[in-house]
Amino acid sequence: MSRAFVREADGSDVPEDLPERPISPHANFVTARGLSQIEDQARELERARDTAKREDDRAALSRIDRELRYWQQRKVSAKLVEPESSPVKVRFGVRVTVRYESGEERSYALVGEDEADPSRGSISWISPIAQALLGCEVGDEVQLQGHKAEIVRLEAAGETSAGP
């Protein structure tokens, strides 16, 4: 048999010594959707952990345990914030629509760090764009990434699925 097909001990079944995932120093504000995502992630990792234990896959177990510790910490530190139904100021949990000088409109939902998905218009409440918008009202003008924009609409973040 060719040596190419013989598995030799290469240390791959030795658990990796992975550093812990960093936990943000910011408050872990979450929307109801964000909290659900955190809980789902933890449940999925617990199932994967059970599988890795059954298969005695110590390397996978090491990686899964690391991820599970992160998501369990995020769940414990989560602070659920219910958005106002008719917001008058940009706050956490609010979707804000802005109109740039070019006429282009974009919507940004200010959500928790783990929930943010810029490709879908959800941005972390600690991002530079969110920080520029916080506290503003409809009609206010702000500078966003070097461009002037006017706030044209505010709504609870869960009310629309508008993207960028």
C-alpha atoms as a PDB file:
ATOM      1  CA  MET A   1       0.000   0.000   0.000  1.00  0.00           C
ATOM      2  CA  SER A   2       1.257   3.456  -0.835  1.00  0.00           C
ATOM      3  CA  ARG A   3       2.409   5.574   2.103  1.00  0.00           C
ATOM      4  CA  ALA A   4       0.142   8.345   0.780  1.00  0.00           C
ATOM      5  CA  PHE A   5      -2.871   6.431   2.071  1.00  0.00           C
ATOM      6  CA  VAL A   6      -1.571   5.520   5.501  1.00  0.00           C
ATOM      7  CA  ARG A   7      -2.687   7.785   8.311  1.00  0.00           C
ATOM      8  CA  GLU A   8       0.111   8.624  10.646  1.00  0.00           C
ATOM      9  CA  ALA A   9      -0.161  10.327  13.980  1.00  0.00           C
ATOM     10  CA  ASP A  10       0.133  13.997  13.138  1.00  0.00           C
ATOM     11  CA  GLY A  11      -1.223  15.427  16.340  1.00  0.00           C
ATOM     12  CA  SER A  12      -4.536  16.338  14.688  1.00  0.00           C
ATOM     13  CA  ASP A  13      -6.551  14.537  17.358  1.00  0.00           C
ATOM     14  CA  VAL A  14      -4.899  16.586  20.092  1.00  0.00           C
ATOM     15  CA  PRO A  15      -7.169  19.428  21.194  1.00  0.00           C
ATOM     16  CA  GLU A  16      -6.124  22.800  19.874  1.00  0.00           C
ATOM     17  CA  ASP A  17      -5.049  25.362  22.424  1.00  0.00           C
ATOM     18  CA  LEU A  18      -7.328  28.125  21.165  1.00  0.00           C
ATOM     19  CA  PRO A  19      -7.437  31.580  22.711  1.00  0.00           C
ATOM     20  CA  GLU A  20     -10.786  32.665  24.070  1.00  0.00           C
ATOM     21  CA  ARG A  21     -12.952  34.777  21.780  1.00  0.00           C
ATOM     22  CA  PRO A  22     -12.811  38.371  22.987  1.00  0.00           C
ATOM     23  CA  ILE A  23     -15.918  39.674  24.711  1.00  0.00           C
ATOM     24  CA  SER A  24     -16.858  43.232  23.850  1.00  0.00           C
ATOM     25  CA  PRO A  25     -16.404  45.787  26.624  1.00  0.00           C
ATOM     26  CA  HIS A  26     -19.678  47.447  25.559  1.00  0.00           C
ATOM     27  CA  ALA A  27     -23.075  46.712  27.069  1.00  0.00           C
ATOM     28  CA  ASN A  28     -24.624  43.694  25.356  1.00  0.00           C
ATOM     29  CA  PHE A  29     -27.888  45.314  24.277  1.00  0.00           C
ATOM     30  CA  VAL A  30     -30.029  42.971  22.192  1.00  0.00           C
ATOM     31  CA  THR A  31     -33.331  43.091  20.374  1.00  0.00           C
ATOM     32  CA  ALA A  32     -35.773  40.194  20.839  1.00  0.00           C
ATOM     33  CA  ARG A  33     -34.534  38.838  17.501  1.00  0.00           C
ATOM     34  CA  GLY A  34     -30.903  39.177  18.610  1.00  0.00           C
ATOM     35  CA  LEU A  35     -31.557  37.335  21.879  1.00  0.00           C
ATOM     36  CA  SER A  36     -33.255  34.545  19.938  1.00  0.00           C
ATOM     37  CA  GLN A  37     -30.230  34.310  17.628  1.00  0.00           C
ATOM     38  CA  ILE A  38     -27.870  34.020  20.606  1.00  0.00           C
ATOM     39  CA  GLU A  39     -30.034  31.293  22.173  1.00  0.00           C
ATOM     40  CA  ASP A  40     -30.241  29.419  18.848  1.00  0.00           C
ATOM     41  CA  GLN A  41     -26.462  29.578  18.425  1.00  0.00           C
ATOM     42  CA  ALA A  42     -25.895  28.184  21.927  1.00  0.00           C
ATOM     43  CA  ARG A  43     -28.384  25.337  21.326  1.00  0.00           C
ATOM     44  CA  GLU A  44     -26.761  24.468  17.994  1.00  0.00           C
ATOM     45  CA  LEU A  45     -23.320  24.368  19.598  1.00  0.00           C
ATOM     46  CA  GLU A  46     -24.604  22.162  22.429  1.00  0.00           C
ATOM     47  CA  ARG A  47     -25.896  19.672  19.822  1.00  0.00           C
ATOM     48  CA  ALA A  48     -22.562  19.806  17.974  1.00  0.00           C
ATOM     49  CA  ARG A  49     -20.760  19.277  21.277  1.00  0.00           C
ATOM     50  CA  ASP A  50     -22.805  16.134  21.982  1.00  0.00           C
ATOM     51  CA  THR A  51     -21.914  14.804  18.524  1.00  0.00           C
ATOM     52  CA  ALA A  52     -18.217  15.559  18.995  1.00  0.00           C
ATOM     53  CA  LYS A  53     -18.287  13.777  22.382  1.00  0.00           C
ATOM     54  CA  ARG A  54     -19.964  10.699  20.879  1.00  0.00           C
ATOM     55  CA  GLU A  55     -17.378  10.630  18.089  1.00  0.00           C
ATOM     56  CA  ASP A  56     -14.535  11.298  20.548  1.00  0.00           C
ATOM     57  CA  ASP A  57     -13.377  14.189  18.334  1.00  0.00           C
ATOM     58  CA  ARG A  58     -11.272  16.090  20.829  1.00  0.00           C
ATOM     59  CA  ALA A  59     -10.100  18.747  18.356  1.00  0.00           C
ATOM     60  CA  ALA A  60     -13.683  19.561  17.335  1.00  0.00           C
ATOM     61  CA  LEU A  61     -14.771  19.473  20.969  1.00  0.00           C
ATOM     62  CA  SER A  62     -12.093  22.019  21.855  1.00  0.00           C
ATOM     63  CA  ARG A  63     -13.271  24.407  19.100  1.00  0.00           C
ATOM     64  CA  ILE A  64     -16.955  23.904  19.952  1.00  0.00           C
ATOM     65  CA  ASP A  65     -16.373  24.429  23.683  1.00  0.00           C
ATOM     66  CA  ARG A  66     -14.609  27.713  22.926  1.00  0.00           C
ATOM     67  CA  GLU A  67     -17.533  28.933  20.809  1.00  0.00           C
ATOM     68  CA  LEU A  68     -20.052  27.708  23.352  1.00  0.00           C
ATOM     69  CA  ARG A  69     -18.325  29.612  26.165  1.00  0.00           C
ATOM     70  CA  TYR A  70     -18.515  32.790  24.051  1.00  0.00           C
ATOM     71  CA  TRP A  71     -22.229  32.417  23.245  1.00  0.00           C
ATOM     72  CA  GLN A  72     -23.152  31.416  26.803  1.00  0.00           C
ATOM     73  CA  GLN A  73     -21.402  34.554  28.072  1.00  0.00           C
ATOM     74  CA  ARG A  74     -23.242  36.659  25.491  1.00  0.00           C
ATOM     75  CA  LYS A  75     -26.545  35.121  26.602  1.00  0.00           C
ATOM     76  CA  VAL A  76     -25.823  35.781  30.289  1.00  0.00           C
ATOM     77  CA  SER A  77     -24.806  39.390  29.625  1.00  0.00           C
ATOM     78  CA  ALA A  78     -27.652  40.139  27.175  1.00  0.00           C
ATOM     79  CA  LYS A  79     -29.830  43.149  28.033  1.00  0.00           C
ATOM     80  CA  LEU A  80     -33.090  42.974  26.112  1.00  0.00           C
ATOM     81  CA  VAL A  81     -34.194  46.383  24.855  1.00  0.00           C
ATOM     82  CA  GLU A  82     -37.721  46.752  23.528  1.00  0.00           C
ATOM     83  CA  PRO A  83     -37.902  49.541  20.934  1.00  0.00           C
ATOM     84  CA  GLU A  84     -40.527  52.256  21.098  1.00  0.00           C
ATOM     85  CA  SER A  85     -43.384  51.584  18.696  1.00  0.00           C
ATOM     86  CA  SER A  86     -43.250  55.142  17.315  1.00  0.00           C
ATOM     87  CA  PRO A  87     -39.754  56.443  17.965  1.00  0.00           C
ATOM     88  CA  VAL A  88     -39.035  60.165  17.740  1.00  0.00           C
ATOM     89  CA  LYS A  89     -35.266  59.880  18.253  1.00  0.00           C
ATOM     90  CA  VAL A  90     -32.695  57.436  16.951  1.00  0.00           C
ATOM     91  CA  ARG A  91     -32.050  54.892  19.675  1.00  0.00           C
ATOM     92  CA  PHE A  92     -31.098  51.239  19.958  1.00  0.00           C
ATOM     93  CA  GLY A  93     -33.710  49.089  18.192  1.00  0.00           C
ATOM     94  CA  VAL A  94     -34.757  51.839  15.777  1.00  0.00           C
ATOM     95  CA  ARG A  95     -34.558  51.655  11.988  1.00  0.00           C
ATOM     96  CA  VAL A  96     -33.560  55.032  10.598  1.00  0.00           C
ATOM     97  CA  THR A  97     -33.890  55.954   6.946  1.00  0.00           C
ATOM     98  CA  VAL A  98     -31.621  58.675   5.619  1.00  0.00           C
ATOM     99  CA  ARG A  99     -31.546  60.480   2.289  1.00  0.00           C
ATOM    100  CA  TYR A 100     -28.148  61.447   0.961  1.00  0.00           C
ATOM    101  CA  GLU A 101     -27.553  64.574  -1.114  1.00  0.00           C
ATOM    102  CA  SER A 102     -27.531  62.349  -4.213  1.00  0.00           C
ATOM    103  CA  GLY A 103     -31.161  61.398  -3.497  1.00  0.00           C
ATOM    104  CA  GLU A 104     -30.238  57.830  -2.514  1.00  0.00           C
ATOM    105  CA  GLU A 105     -32.045  56.524   0.569  1.00  0.00           C
ATOM    106  CA  ARG A 106     -30.608  53.951   2.955  1.00  0.00           C
ATOM    107  CA  SER A 107     -32.028  52.351   6.068  1.00  0.00           C
ATOM    108  CA  TYR A 108     -30.027  51.305   9.085  1.00  0.00           C
ATOM    109  CA  ALA A 109     -31.397  49.283  12.007  1.00  0.00           C
ATOM    110  CA  LEU A 110     -29.388  49.844  15.191  1.00  0.00           C
ATOM    111  CA  VAL A 111     -29.009  46.428  16.800  1.00  0.00           C
ATOM    112  CA  GLY A 112     -26.683  44.459  19.075  1.00  0.00           C
ATOM    113  CA  GLU A 113     -23.122  43.608  18.088  1.00  0.00           C
ATOM    114  CA  ASP A 114     -23.829  39.910  17.471  1.00  0.00           C
ATOM    115  CA  GLU A 115     -26.992  40.660  15.496  1.00  0.00           C
ATOM    116  CA  ALA A 116     -25.436  43.186  13.124  1.00  0.00           C
ATOM    117  CA  ASP A 117     -25.521  42.288   9.432  1.00  0.00           C
ATOM    118  CA  PRO A 118     -24.596  45.358   7.373  1.00  0.00           C
ATOM    119  CA  SER A 119     -25.513  43.611   4.107  1.00  0.00           C
ATOM    120  CA  ARG A 120     -29.113  43.542   5.408  1.00  0.00           C
ATOM    121  CA  GLY A 121     -29.067  47.047   6.836  1.00  0.00           C
ATOM    122  CA  SER A 122     -28.565  46.068  10.504  1.00  0.00           C
ATOM    123  CA  ILE A 123     -25.606  47.771  12.102  1.00  0.00           C
ATOM    124  CA  SER A 124     -24.134  47.522  15.554  1.00  0.00           C
ATOM    125  CA  TRP A 125     -25.228  50.299  17.861  1.00  0.00           C
ATOM    126  CA  ILE A 126     -21.542  51.019  18.549  1.00  0.00           C
ATOM    127  CA  SER A 127     -20.553  51.411  14.880  1.00  0.00           C
ATOM    128  CA  PRO A 128     -19.450  54.858  13.664  1.00  0.00           C
ATOM    129  CA  ILE A 129     -22.619  55.295  11.567  1.00  0.00           C
ATOM    130  CA  ALA A 130     -24.859  54.384  14.513  1.00  0.00           C
ATOM    131  CA  GLN A 131     -22.930  56.705  16.812  1.00  0.00           C
ATOM    132  CA  ALA A 132     -23.454  59.577  14.354  1.00  0.00           C
ATOM    133  CA  LEU A 133     -27.197  58.845  14.249  1.00  0.00           C
ATOM    134  CA  LEU A 134     -27.944  58.258  17.931  1.00  0.00           C
ATOM    135  CA  GLY A 135     -30.158  60.961  19.415  1.00  0.00           C
ATOM    136  CA  CYS A 136     -31.111  62.480  16.053  1.00  0.00           C
ATOM    137  CA  GLU A 137     -34.675  63.151  14.901  1.00  0.00           C
ATOM    138  CA  VAL A 138     -36.478  63.282  11.552  1.00  0.00           C
ATOM    139  CA  GLY A 139     -35.262  66.356   9.657  1.00  0.00           C
ATOM    140  CA  ASP A 140     -31.819  66.394  11.281  1.00  0.00           C
ATOM    141  CA  GLU A 141     -28.794  66.408   8.997  1.00  0.00           C
ATOM    142  CA  VAL A 142     -25.737  64.293   9.797  1.00  0.00           C
ATOM    143  CA  GLN A 143     -22.382  63.456   8.259  1.00  0.00           C
ATOM    144  CA  LEU A 144     -22.133  59.743   7.462  1.00  0.00           C
ATOM    145  CA  GLN A 145     -18.850  58.511   6.049  1.00  0.00           C
ATOM    146  CA  GLY A 146     -18.068  61.937   4.627  1.00  0.00           C
ATOM    147  CA  HIS A 147     -21.496  62.493   3.073  1.00  0.00           C
ATOM    148  CA  LYS A 148     -24.316  64.731   4.246  1.00  0.00           C
ATOM    149  CA  ALA A 149     -27.586  62.912   4.896  1.00  0.00           C
ATOM    150  CA  GLU A 150     -31.002  63.931   6.198  1.00  0.00           C
ATOM    151  CA  ILE A 151     -33.005  61.680   8.495  1.00  0.00           C
ATOM    152  CA  VAL A 152     -36.340  61.091   6.762  1.00  0.00           C
ATOM    153  CA  ARG A 153     -37.995  58.268   8.734  1.00  0.00           C
ATOM    154  CA  LEU A 154     -37.793  56.423  12.066  1.00  0.00           C
ATOM    155  CA  GLU A 155     -39.519  53.165  12.989  1.00  0.00           C
ATOM    156  CA  ALA A 156     -39.039  50.226  15.315  1.00  0.00           C
ATOM    157  CA  ALA A 157     -36.312  48.038  13.779  1.00  0.00           C
ATOM    158  CA  GLY A 158     -38.511  44.949  13.555  1.00  0.00           C
ATOM    159  CA  GLU A 159     -41.254  46.688  11.554  1.00  0.00           C
ATOM    160  CA  THR A 160     -39.585  46.425   8.139  1.00  0.00           C
ATOM    161  CA  SER A 161     -37.076  44.231   6.448  1.00  0.00           C
ATOM    162  CA  ALA A 162     -35.652  47.012   4.318  1.00  0.00           C
ATOM    163  CA  GLY A 163     -32.016  46.563   3.464  1.00  0.00           C
ATOM    164  CA  PRO A 164     -29.374  49.141   2.701  1.00  0.00           C
END
